Amino acid sequence: AKKTLPSRTGVGDELACEGAPVATWEELREGLKGLGNLVLVAQIKRSYARKFSKLLSETTFGHTSLLNLLRDERLVDVCECRQRKFDWQHVMVLVGSDVNEEELIPVDRNPG
């Protein structure tokens, strides 16, 4: 079945997602590693669906927001969340990746 992901412009992208959403922590971890060294949090679901033909849902993993999912302690060795200084957008940075740290601000792993 085709799923439509909404976009900021209100126009959805048709994606052939045949059934199963991302269901395990290992699948999530491996998929995040495959998205790139630095990805806007706002684009992660769309990028994941395009690259792997799977739907990523934070509620599957017990979280109410994607940002909180990415800050989960079970992903501490995979990714970190940061904010870009020039536009304050949240980004996911893979652990150990070569990014310009001067342009990024750490985001607390424990929301609250």
N, C-alpha and C. Protein backbone atom coordinates (compact mmCIF):
# COMPACT_ATOMS: atom_id res chain seq x y z
N ALA A 1 0.84 -1.19 0.00
CA ALA A 1 0.00 0.00 0.00
C ALA A 1 0.88 1.24 0.00
N LYS A 2 0.43 2.27 -0.66
CA LYS A 2 1.19 3.51 -0.70
C LYS A 2 0.81 4.37 0.48
N LYS A 3 1.81 4.96 1.08
CA LYS A 3 1.61 5.89 2.19
C LYS A 3 2.00 7.27 1.69
N THR A 4 1.33 8.29 2.17
CA THR A 4 1.68 9.65 1.81
C THR A 4 2.23 10.35 3.03
N LEU A 5 3.43 10.89 2.87
CA LEU A 5 4.03 11.67 3.95
C LEU A 5 3.78 13.14 3.66
N PRO A 6 3.22 13.88 4.62
CA PRO A 6 2.98 15.30 4.37
C PRO A 6 4.30 16.05 4.30
N SER A 7 4.30 17.13 3.57
CA SER A 7 5.48 17.97 3.51
C SER A 7 5.11 19.35 4.03
N ARG A 8 6.09 20.18 4.23
CA ARG A 8 5.83 21.52 4.73
C ARG A 8 4.99 22.34 3.76
N THR A 9 5.03 22.00 2.49
CA THR A 9 4.27 22.74 1.49
C THR A 9 2.83 22.23 1.41
N GLY A 10 2.53 21.14 2.11
CA GLY A 10 1.19 20.59 2.07
C GLY A 10 1.01 19.57 0.96
N VAL A 11 2.02 19.39 0.13
CA VAL A 11 1.96 18.41 -0.95
C VAL A 11 2.65 17.15 -0.48
N GLY A 12 1.97 16.03 -0.51
CA GLY A 12 2.55 14.78 -0.03
C GLY A 12 3.41 14.09 -1.06
N ASP A 13 4.34 13.29 -0.60
CA ASP A 13 5.17 12.47 -1.48
C ASP A 13 4.65 11.05 -1.43
N GLU A 14 4.39 10.47 -2.59
CA GLU A 14 3.96 9.09 -2.65
C GLU A 14 5.17 8.18 -2.46
N LEU A 15 5.09 7.31 -1.47
CA LEU A 15 6.18 6.39 -1.20
C LEU A 15 5.64 4.98 -1.18
N ALA A 16 6.33 4.09 -1.84
CA ALA A 16 5.91 2.70 -1.83
C ALA A 16 6.46 2.04 -0.57
N CYS A 17 5.66 2.02 0.47
CA CYS A 17 6.06 1.40 1.74
C CYS A 17 5.18 0.19 1.92
N GLU A 18 5.68 -0.94 1.56
CA GLU A 18 4.90 -2.17 1.59
C GLU A 18 4.83 -2.74 3.00
N GLY A 19 3.98 -2.17 3.81
CA GLY A 19 3.74 -2.77 5.11
C GLY A 19 4.61 -2.25 6.22
N ALA A 20 5.53 -3.08 6.66
CA ALA A 20 6.21 -2.94 7.94
C ALA A 20 6.90 -1.61 8.18
N PRO A 21 6.56 -0.99 9.28
CA PRO A 21 7.34 0.17 9.72
C PRO A 21 8.62 -0.32 10.39
N VAL A 22 9.52 0.60 10.70
CA VAL A 22 10.71 0.26 11.46
C VAL A 22 10.23 -0.28 12.80
N ALA A 23 10.67 -1.48 13.19
CA ALA A 23 10.08 -2.12 14.35
C ALA A 23 11.05 -2.45 15.46
N THR A 24 12.34 -2.52 15.17
CA THR A 24 13.29 -2.91 16.22
C THR A 24 14.34 -1.82 16.42
N TRP A 25 14.92 -1.81 17.61
CA TRP A 25 15.98 -0.85 17.90
C TRP A 25 17.17 -1.05 16.97
N GLU A 26 17.50 -2.29 16.67
CA GLU A 26 18.64 -2.56 15.79
C GLU A 26 18.38 -2.03 14.39
N GLU A 27 17.18 -2.25 13.89
CA GLU A 27 16.82 -1.74 12.57
C GLU A 27 16.88 -0.20 12.56
N LEU A 28 16.40 0.41 13.63
CA LEU A 28 16.45 1.87 13.75
C LEU A 28 17.89 2.35 13.77
N ARG A 29 18.72 1.72 14.58
CA ARG A 29 20.12 2.11 14.71
C ARG A 29 20.86 2.03 13.38
N GLU A 30 20.69 0.92 12.68
CA GLU A 30 21.36 0.74 11.40
C GLU A 30 20.85 1.73 10.36
N GLY A 31 19.55 1.97 10.36
CA GLY A 31 18.98 2.93 9.42
C GLY A 31 19.49 4.34 9.64
N LEU A 32 19.55 4.77 10.90
CA LEU A 32 20.04 6.12 11.20
C LEU A 32 21.48 6.28 10.73
N LYS A 33 22.27 5.24 10.90
CA LYS A 33 23.67 5.29 10.44
C LYS A 33 23.74 5.47 8.94
N GLY A 34 22.75 4.99 8.23
CA GLY A 34 22.75 5.06 6.78
C GLY A 34 22.22 6.36 6.20
N LEU A 35 21.75 7.27 7.05
CA LEU A 35 21.17 8.51 6.54
C LEU A 35 22.19 9.60 6.24
N GLY A 36 23.35 9.52 6.83
CA GLY A 36 24.36 10.55 6.61
C GLY A 36 24.87 11.13 7.91
N ASN A 37 25.97 11.87 7.83
CA ASN A 37 26.61 12.39 9.04
C ASN A 37 25.82 13.46 9.75
N LEU A 38 25.07 14.27 9.01
CA LEU A 38 24.30 15.36 9.60
C LEU A 38 23.01 15.50 8.82
N VAL A 39 21.88 15.33 9.51
CA VAL A 39 20.57 15.37 8.86
C VAL A 39 19.64 16.24 9.70
N LEU A 40 18.88 17.11 9.05
CA LEU A 40 17.87 17.88 9.77
C LEU A 40 16.86 16.93 10.40
N VAL A 41 16.54 17.14 11.65
CA VAL A 41 15.55 16.28 12.32
C VAL A 41 14.23 16.33 11.56
N ALA A 42 13.88 17.50 11.05
CA ALA A 42 12.62 17.66 10.32
C ALA A 42 12.57 16.82 9.04
N GLN A 43 13.71 16.33 8.55
CA GLN A 43 13.75 15.56 7.32
C GLN A 43 14.01 14.07 7.53
N ILE A 44 14.21 13.65 8.77
CA ILE A 44 14.60 12.26 9.03
C ILE A 44 13.53 11.25 8.59
N LYS A 45 12.27 11.48 8.92
CA LYS A 45 11.23 10.51 8.54
C LYS A 45 11.15 10.36 7.02
N ARG A 46 11.17 11.47 6.32
CA ARG A 46 11.09 11.46 4.87
C ARG A 46 12.32 10.76 4.26
N SER A 47 13.50 11.10 4.76
CA SER A 47 14.73 10.49 4.26
C SER A 47 14.74 8.99 4.53
N TYR A 48 14.30 8.59 5.72
CA TYR A 48 14.26 7.17 6.08
C TYR A 48 13.32 6.42 5.13
N ALA A 49 12.14 6.99 4.89
CA ALA A 49 11.17 6.33 4.02
C ALA A 49 11.69 6.22 2.59
N ARG A 50 12.31 7.28 2.10
CA ARG A 50 12.84 7.24 0.73
C ARG A 50 13.97 6.24 0.59
N LYS A 51 14.86 6.21 1.56
CA LYS A 51 16.05 5.36 1.44
C LYS A 51 15.74 3.88 1.70
N PHE A 52 14.87 3.60 2.68
CA PHE A 52 14.65 2.22 3.10
C PHE A 52 13.24 1.69 2.84
N SER A 53 12.35 2.53 2.30
CA SER A 53 10.94 2.15 2.06
C SER A 53 10.28 1.63 3.33
N LYS A 54 10.59 2.28 4.44
CA LYS A 54 9.98 1.93 5.73
C LYS A 54 9.55 3.21 6.41
N LEU A 55 8.47 3.12 7.16
CA LEU A 55 7.98 4.27 7.90
C LEU A 55 8.58 4.28 9.30
N LEU A 56 9.10 5.42 9.70
CA LEU A 56 9.69 5.59 11.02
C LEU A 56 8.68 6.31 11.90
N SER A 57 8.30 5.66 13.00
CA SER A 57 7.35 6.25 13.94
C SER A 57 7.93 6.23 15.34
N GLU A 58 8.06 7.42 15.92
CA GLU A 58 8.62 7.51 17.27
C GLU A 58 7.76 6.81 18.31
N THR A 59 6.45 6.73 18.08
CA THR A 59 5.57 6.08 19.06
C THR A 59 5.82 4.58 19.14
N THR A 60 6.32 3.97 18.07
CA THR A 60 6.69 2.55 18.09
C THR A 60 7.72 2.29 19.17
N PHE A 61 8.57 3.28 19.43
CA PHE A 61 9.65 3.14 20.40
C PHE A 61 9.34 3.83 21.73
N GLY A 62 8.06 4.20 21.94
CA GLY A 62 7.62 4.74 23.21
C GLY A 62 7.90 6.22 23.41
N HIS A 63 8.06 6.97 22.33
CA HIS A 63 8.33 8.40 22.44
C HIS A 63 7.22 9.21 21.77
N THR A 64 7.05 10.45 22.23
CA THR A 64 6.02 11.31 21.67
C THR A 64 6.55 12.26 20.61
N SER A 65 7.87 12.34 20.48
CA SER A 65 8.46 13.19 19.44
C SER A 65 9.71 12.52 18.89
N LEU A 66 10.02 12.84 17.65
CA LEU A 66 11.21 12.29 17.02
C LEU A 66 12.47 12.78 17.71
N LEU A 67 12.47 14.04 18.13
CA LEU A 67 13.63 14.58 18.84
C LEU A 67 13.90 13.78 20.12
N ASN A 68 12.85 13.46 20.86
CA ASN A 68 13.04 12.66 22.08
C ASN A 68 13.53 11.26 21.76
N LEU A 69 13.05 10.67 20.67
CA LEU A 69 13.53 9.35 20.27
C LEU A 69 15.03 9.40 19.97
N LEU A 70 15.46 10.41 19.24
CA LEU A 70 16.87 10.52 18.88
C LEU A 70 17.75 10.78 20.09
N ARG A 71 17.17 11.30 21.17
CA ARG A 71 17.92 11.56 22.40
C ARG A 71 17.86 10.38 23.38
N ASP A 72 17.20 9.30 22.99
CA ASP A 72 17.08 8.11 23.84
C ASP A 72 18.46 7.54 24.14
N GLU A 73 18.67 7.11 25.36
CA GLU A 73 19.96 6.56 25.80
C GLU A 73 20.39 5.34 24.98
N ARG A 74 19.44 4.62 24.39
CA ARG A 74 19.78 3.45 23.58
C ARG A 74 20.41 3.83 22.24
N LEU A 75 20.42 5.13 21.92
CA LEU A 75 21.04 5.60 20.68
C LEU A 75 22.28 6.43 20.95
N VAL A 76 22.75 6.44 22.21
CA VAL A 76 23.88 7.29 22.60
C VAL A 76 25.14 7.01 21.80
N ASP A 77 25.32 5.79 21.35
CA ASP A 77 26.52 5.45 20.57
C ASP A 77 26.30 5.59 19.07
N VAL A 78 25.10 6.02 18.66
CA VAL A 78 24.77 6.16 17.25
C VAL A 78 24.69 7.63 16.83
N CYS A 79 23.93 8.42 17.58
CA CYS A 79 23.71 9.80 17.15
C CYS A 79 23.56 10.75 18.34
N GLU A 80 23.72 12.02 18.04
CA GLU A 80 23.51 13.10 19.00
C GLU A 80 22.62 14.13 18.32
N CYS A 81 21.88 14.88 19.12
CA CYS A 81 21.09 15.98 18.58
C CYS A 81 21.80 17.28 18.89
N ARG A 82 21.81 18.15 17.92
CA ARG A 82 22.43 19.48 18.07
C ARG A 82 21.49 20.50 17.44
N GLN A 83 21.79 21.75 17.71
CA GLN A 83 21.11 22.84 17.02
C GLN A 83 22.14 23.61 16.22
N ARG A 84 21.75 24.02 15.01
CA ARG A 84 22.65 24.83 14.21
C ARG A 84 22.55 26.27 14.71
N LYS A 85 23.68 26.92 14.89
CA LYS A 85 23.70 28.28 15.41
C LYS A 85 23.06 29.29 14.47
N PHE A 86 23.20 29.08 13.16
CA PHE A 86 22.74 30.10 12.23
C PHE A 86 21.24 30.09 11.97
N ASP A 87 20.54 28.98 12.23
CA ASP A 87 19.08 28.97 12.02
C ASP A 87 18.32 28.24 13.12
N TRP A 88 19.01 27.71 14.11
CA TRP A 88 18.44 27.06 15.29
C TRP A 88 17.67 25.78 14.98
N GLN A 89 17.83 25.22 13.79
CA GLN A 89 17.16 23.97 13.48
C GLN A 89 17.89 22.81 14.15
N HIS A 90 17.12 21.81 14.59
CA HIS A 90 17.71 20.62 15.18
C HIS A 90 18.26 19.72 14.08
N VAL A 91 19.42 19.15 14.35
CA VAL A 91 20.03 18.20 13.44
C VAL A 91 20.44 16.95 14.20
N MET A 92 20.48 15.83 13.48
CA MET A 92 21.01 14.59 14.03
C MET A 92 22.43 14.47 13.49
N VAL A 93 23.38 14.24 14.38
CA VAL A 93 24.78 14.08 14.00
C VAL A 93 25.20 12.67 14.40
N LEU A 94 25.77 11.92 13.46
CA LEU A 94 26.25 10.59 13.80
C LEU A 94 27.48 10.70 14.69
N VAL A 95 27.57 9.86 15.70
CA VAL A 95 28.72 9.83 16.60
C VAL A 95 29.97 9.52 15.78
N GLY A 96 31.00 10.30 16.01
CA GLY A 96 32.27 10.09 15.32
C GLY A 96 32.36 10.70 13.93
N SER A 97 31.32 11.40 13.50
CA SER A 97 31.37 11.99 12.17
C SER A 97 32.15 13.30 12.18
N ASP A 98 32.65 13.64 11.04
CA ASP A 98 33.47 14.84 10.90
C ASP A 98 32.57 16.00 10.47
N VAL A 99 32.09 16.78 11.46
CA VAL A 99 31.25 17.93 11.18
C VAL A 99 31.88 19.16 11.84
N ASN A 100 31.51 20.34 11.39
CA ASN A 100 32.03 21.57 11.94
C ASN A 100 31.36 21.86 13.28
N GLU A 101 32.03 21.50 14.36
CA GLU A 101 31.47 21.65 15.71
C GLU A 101 31.21 23.10 16.09
N GLU A 102 31.91 24.04 15.46
CA GLU A 102 31.73 25.45 15.79
C GLU A 102 30.36 25.98 15.39
N GLU A 103 29.69 25.30 14.46
CA GLU A 103 28.38 25.73 14.00
C GLU A 103 27.23 25.07 14.75
N LEU A 104 27.56 24.17 15.70
CA LEU A 104 26.52 23.39 16.38
C LEU A 104 26.54 23.59 17.88
N ILE A 105 25.34 23.53 18.47
CA ILE A 105 25.17 23.63 19.91
C ILE A 105 24.61 22.30 20.41
N PRO A 106 25.19 21.72 21.46
CA PRO A 106 24.65 20.46 22.00
C PRO A 106 23.22 20.63 22.50
N VAL A 107 22.44 19.57 22.38
CA VAL A 107 21.07 19.53 22.90
C VAL A 107 21.07 18.51 24.02
N ASP A 108 20.49 18.86 25.15
CA ASP A 108 20.45 17.97 26.31
C ASP A 108 19.84 16.64 25.94
N ARG A 109 20.51 15.54 26.29
CA ARG A 109 20.00 14.20 25.99
C ARG A 109 18.80 13.88 26.86
N ASN A 110 18.69 14.48 28.02
CA ASN A 110 17.57 14.21 28.94
C ASN A 110 16.61 15.40 28.94
N PRO A 111 15.56 15.32 28.11
CA PRO A 111 14.60 16.44 28.06
C PRO A 111 13.90 16.60 29.39
N GLY A 112 13.52 17.81 29.66
CA GLY A 112 12.76 17.89 30.86
C GLY A 112 12.64 19.19 31.45
